[in-house]
Amino acid sequence: MFEVYRETAYSGQYRVVYFTELDEHNKEIEIARALAGEHFVDGFLRNYTKEEAKRVIDELLERLNRGEQISPQRFLSSLGDYLA
């Protein structure tokens, strides 16, 4: 499971958190950051294509952080078959 959110207290940048990859050392901090931010989109990735999907998400985040307007629906449709 992942969530893309926009930081509201710091830089205003879009960020992603992969909840299934959190461990005891960073779980509370990362969840708190995501909850403090503005929710953009979330979903589940297929395990066998997860690394490819993460590259697509990184590219989409770069575009969002450069100011490109991408709707949540378009974001998710760009992930296509990577979503579970």
N, C-alpha and C. Protein backbone atom coordinates (compact mmCIF):
# COMPACT_ATOMS: atom_id res chain seq x y z
N MET A 1 0.84 -1.17 0.00
CA MET A 1 0.00 0.00 0.00
C MET A 1 0.89 1.24 0.00
N PHE A 2 0.46 2.24 -0.75
CA PHE A 2 1.20 3.49 -0.81
C PHE A 2 0.22 4.65 -0.69
N GLU A 3 0.78 5.80 -0.32
CA GLU A 3 0.01 7.04 -0.32
C GLU A 3 0.89 8.15 -0.86
N VAL A 4 0.33 8.95 -1.74
CA VAL A 4 0.99 10.16 -2.21
C VAL A 4 0.29 11.31 -1.51
N TYR A 5 1.09 12.18 -0.93
CA TYR A 5 0.54 13.32 -0.21
C TYR A 5 1.39 14.55 -0.51
N ARG A 6 0.84 15.70 -0.19
CA ARG A 6 1.56 16.95 -0.36
C ARG A 6 1.87 17.51 1.02
N GLU A 7 3.13 17.80 1.25
CA GLU A 7 3.52 18.38 2.52
C GLU A 7 2.87 19.75 2.66
N THR A 8 2.30 20.01 3.80
CA THR A 8 1.68 21.31 4.03
C THR A 8 2.49 22.16 4.99
N ALA A 9 3.31 21.53 5.82
CA ALA A 9 4.05 22.28 6.83
C ALA A 9 5.45 22.66 6.38
N TYR A 10 5.99 22.01 5.37
CA TYR A 10 7.37 22.26 4.98
C TYR A 10 7.47 22.84 3.58
N SER A 11 7.86 22.03 2.65
CA SER A 11 8.19 22.52 1.31
C SER A 11 7.02 22.57 0.35
N GLY A 12 5.91 21.92 0.68
CA GLY A 12 4.79 21.87 -0.25
C GLY A 12 5.00 20.85 -1.36
N GLN A 13 6.04 20.04 -1.23
CA GLN A 13 6.36 19.03 -2.23
C GLN A 13 5.46 17.80 -2.08
N TYR A 14 5.26 17.13 -3.19
CA TYR A 14 4.54 15.86 -3.17
C TYR A 14 5.53 14.76 -2.77
N ARG A 15 5.07 13.86 -1.94
CA ARG A 15 5.89 12.76 -1.44
C ARG A 15 5.08 11.47 -1.46
N VAL A 16 5.77 10.35 -1.39
CA VAL A 16 5.11 9.05 -1.33
C VAL A 16 5.63 8.30 -0.12
N VAL A 17 4.75 7.54 0.49
CA VAL A 17 5.14 6.62 1.55
C VAL A 17 4.59 5.25 1.17
N TYR A 18 5.47 4.25 1.27
CA TYR A 18 5.09 2.86 1.01
C TYR A 18 4.92 2.20 2.38
N PHE A 19 3.69 2.08 2.82
CA PHE A 19 3.42 1.58 4.17
C PHE A 19 3.93 0.17 4.40
N THR A 20 3.90 -0.65 3.37
CA THR A 20 4.33 -2.04 3.53
C THR A 20 5.84 -2.16 3.68
N GLU A 21 6.59 -1.10 3.41
CA GLU A 21 8.05 -1.14 3.53
C GLU A 21 8.57 -0.46 4.79
N LEU A 22 7.68 0.04 5.61
CA LEU A 22 8.11 0.70 6.84
C LEU A 22 8.53 -0.34 7.87
N ASP A 23 9.52 0.03 8.69
CA ASP A 23 9.92 -0.85 9.78
C ASP A 23 9.75 -0.10 11.10
N GLU A 24 10.12 -0.73 12.17
CA GLU A 24 9.92 -0.14 13.50
C GLU A 24 10.66 1.17 13.69
N HIS A 25 11.76 1.39 12.95
CA HIS A 25 12.56 2.59 13.13
C HIS A 25 11.94 3.82 12.48
N ASN A 26 11.22 3.65 11.39
CA ASN A 26 10.70 4.81 10.68
C ASN A 26 9.19 4.84 10.56
N LYS A 27 8.51 3.83 11.07
CA LYS A 27 7.07 3.72 10.89
C LYS A 27 6.31 4.92 11.44
N GLU A 28 6.52 5.27 12.68
CA GLU A 28 5.75 6.35 13.31
C GLU A 28 6.03 7.70 12.65
N ILE A 29 7.27 7.99 12.33
CA ILE A 29 7.63 9.26 11.72
C ILE A 29 6.99 9.41 10.34
N GLU A 30 7.12 8.38 9.51
CA GLU A 30 6.58 8.45 8.15
C GLU A 30 5.06 8.52 8.14
N ILE A 31 4.42 7.78 9.00
CA ILE A 31 2.95 7.84 9.08
C ILE A 31 2.51 9.21 9.56
N ALA A 32 3.20 9.78 10.53
CA ALA A 32 2.86 11.12 11.03
C ALA A 32 3.02 12.16 9.93
N ARG A 33 4.08 12.07 9.13
CA ARG A 33 4.28 13.01 8.03
C ARG A 33 3.15 12.91 7.01
N ALA A 34 2.77 11.69 6.68
CA ALA A 34 1.70 11.50 5.70
C ALA A 34 0.38 12.03 6.25
N LEU A 35 0.10 11.78 7.51
CA LEU A 35 -1.15 12.26 8.10
C LEU A 35 -1.19 13.78 8.21
N ALA A 36 -0.04 14.40 8.40
CA ALA A 36 0.03 15.86 8.49
C ALA A 36 -0.11 16.52 7.12
N GLY A 37 0.15 15.76 6.07
CA GLY A 37 0.08 16.31 4.73
C GLY A 37 -1.32 16.28 4.16
N GLU A 38 -1.42 16.78 2.94
CA GLU A 38 -2.69 16.80 2.21
C GLU A 38 -2.76 15.57 1.30
N HIS A 39 -3.71 14.70 1.57
CA HIS A 39 -3.84 13.46 0.81
C HIS A 39 -4.06 13.76 -0.68
N PHE A 40 -3.35 13.02 -1.52
CA PHE A 40 -3.52 13.17 -2.96
C PHE A 40 -4.12 11.90 -3.56
N VAL A 41 -3.47 10.76 -3.33
CA VAL A 41 -3.95 9.50 -3.88
C VAL A 41 -3.31 8.35 -3.10
N ASP A 42 -3.97 7.20 -3.11
CA ASP A 42 -3.40 6.01 -2.49
C ASP A 42 -3.83 4.79 -3.27
N GLY A 43 -3.17 3.67 -2.96
CA GLY A 43 -3.53 2.44 -3.64
C GLY A 43 -2.63 1.30 -3.24
N PHE A 44 -2.84 0.18 -3.89
CA PHE A 44 -2.07 -1.03 -3.65
C PHE A 44 -1.35 -1.40 -4.93
N LEU A 45 -0.08 -1.77 -4.80
CA LEU A 45 0.72 -2.18 -5.95
C LEU A 45 0.83 -3.70 -5.99
N ARG A 46 0.83 -4.22 -7.20
CA ARG A 46 1.07 -5.66 -7.37
C ARG A 46 2.51 -5.94 -6.95
N ASN A 47 2.70 -6.97 -6.19
CA ASN A 47 4.03 -7.26 -5.63
C ASN A 47 5.06 -7.56 -6.71
N TYR A 48 4.68 -8.29 -7.74
CA TYR A 48 5.66 -8.71 -8.74
C TYR A 48 6.07 -7.60 -9.71
N THR A 49 5.38 -6.46 -9.71
CA THR A 49 5.77 -5.32 -10.55
C THR A 49 6.04 -4.09 -9.71
N LYS A 50 6.25 -4.29 -8.42
CA LYS A 50 6.38 -3.17 -7.48
C LYS A 50 7.53 -2.22 -7.84
N GLU A 51 8.68 -2.75 -8.18
CA GLU A 51 9.84 -1.89 -8.49
C GLU A 51 9.59 -1.03 -9.73
N GLU A 52 8.98 -1.59 -10.74
CA GLU A 52 8.64 -0.82 -11.94
C GLU A 52 7.62 0.26 -11.59
N ALA A 53 6.64 -0.08 -10.78
CA ALA A 53 5.61 0.88 -10.37
C ALA A 53 6.22 2.02 -9.58
N LYS A 54 7.19 1.72 -8.74
CA LYS A 54 7.84 2.77 -7.95
C LYS A 54 8.59 3.76 -8.85
N ARG A 55 9.17 3.27 -9.94
CA ARG A 55 9.82 4.18 -10.89
C ARG A 55 8.80 5.10 -11.56
N VAL A 56 7.65 4.56 -11.91
CA VAL A 56 6.58 5.38 -12.51
C VAL A 56 6.11 6.42 -11.50
N ILE A 57 5.93 6.02 -10.26
CA ILE A 57 5.49 6.96 -9.21
C ILE A 57 6.52 8.06 -9.04
N ASP A 58 7.81 7.71 -9.01
CA ASP A 58 8.86 8.73 -8.89
C ASP A 58 8.80 9.74 -10.03
N GLU A 59 8.59 9.25 -11.25
CA GLU A 59 8.49 10.15 -12.40
C GLU A 59 7.27 11.08 -12.27
N LEU A 60 6.15 10.53 -11.83
CA LEU A 60 4.95 11.35 -11.65
C LEU A 60 5.15 12.39 -10.55
N LEU A 61 5.83 12.01 -9.48
CA LEU A 61 6.11 12.97 -8.41
C LEU A 61 7.00 14.10 -8.89
N GLU A 62 8.00 13.78 -9.70
CA GLU A 62 8.87 14.81 -10.27
C GLU A 62 8.05 15.81 -11.08
N ARG A 63 7.15 15.29 -11.89
CA ARG A 63 6.30 16.17 -12.70
C ARG A 63 5.41 17.05 -11.83
N LEU A 64 4.80 16.46 -10.81
CA LEU A 64 3.96 17.24 -9.89
C LEU A 64 4.77 18.33 -9.19
N ASN A 65 5.97 17.99 -8.75
CA ASN A 65 6.80 18.93 -8.02
C ASN A 65 7.39 20.02 -8.91
N ARG A 66 7.38 19.81 -10.22
CA ARG A 66 7.76 20.86 -11.17
C ARG A 66 6.58 21.76 -11.49
N GLY A 67 5.40 21.43 -10.97
CA GLY A 67 4.24 22.28 -11.18
C GLY A 67 3.23 21.77 -12.19
N GLU A 68 3.50 20.63 -12.79
CA GLU A 68 2.55 20.09 -13.76
C GLU A 68 1.26 19.67 -13.04
N GLN A 69 0.14 19.97 -13.65
CA GLN A 69 -1.16 19.61 -13.09
C GLN A 69 -1.52 18.19 -13.52
N ILE A 70 -1.59 17.31 -12.53
CA ILE A 70 -1.99 15.93 -12.78
C ILE A 70 -3.09 15.60 -11.79
N SER A 71 -4.24 15.18 -12.28
CA SER A 71 -5.34 14.84 -11.38
C SER A 71 -5.06 13.50 -10.72
N PRO A 72 -5.69 13.25 -9.57
CA PRO A 72 -5.54 11.93 -8.94
C PRO A 72 -5.96 10.79 -9.87
N GLN A 73 -7.00 10.99 -10.65
CA GLN A 73 -7.46 9.94 -11.57
C GLN A 73 -6.40 9.67 -12.64
N ARG A 74 -5.80 10.72 -13.16
CA ARG A 74 -4.77 10.56 -14.18
C ARG A 74 -3.52 9.89 -13.59
N PHE A 75 -3.20 10.27 -12.35
CA PHE A 75 -2.07 9.66 -11.66
C PHE A 75 -2.27 8.15 -11.58
N LEU A 76 -3.44 7.74 -11.09
CA LEU A 76 -3.73 6.31 -10.95
C LEU A 76 -3.80 5.61 -12.30
N SER A 77 -4.37 6.27 -13.29
CA SER A 77 -4.44 5.62 -14.62
C SER A 77 -3.05 5.45 -15.22
N SER A 78 -2.10 6.31 -14.86
CA SER A 78 -0.72 6.16 -15.33
C SER A 78 -0.07 4.91 -14.75
N LEU A 79 -0.58 4.45 -13.62
CA LEU A 79 -0.04 3.24 -13.00
C LEU A 79 -0.65 1.97 -13.59
N GLY A 80 -1.79 2.12 -14.23
CA GLY A 80 -2.42 1.02 -14.97
C GLY A 80 -2.36 -0.34 -14.29
N ASP A 81 -1.71 -1.29 -14.96
CA ASP A 81 -1.66 -2.67 -14.50
C ASP A 81 -0.77 -2.89 -13.29
N TYR A 82 -0.06 -1.86 -12.85
CA TYR A 82 0.77 -1.99 -11.65
C TYR A 82 -0.11 -2.01 -10.39
N LEU A 83 -1.33 -1.51 -10.50
CA LEU A 83 -2.21 -1.47 -9.33
C LEU A 83 -2.88 -2.81 -9.12
N ALA A 84 -3.03 -3.15 -7.86
CA ALA A 84 -3.70 -4.42 -7.52
C ALA A 84 -5.20 -4.22 -7.53
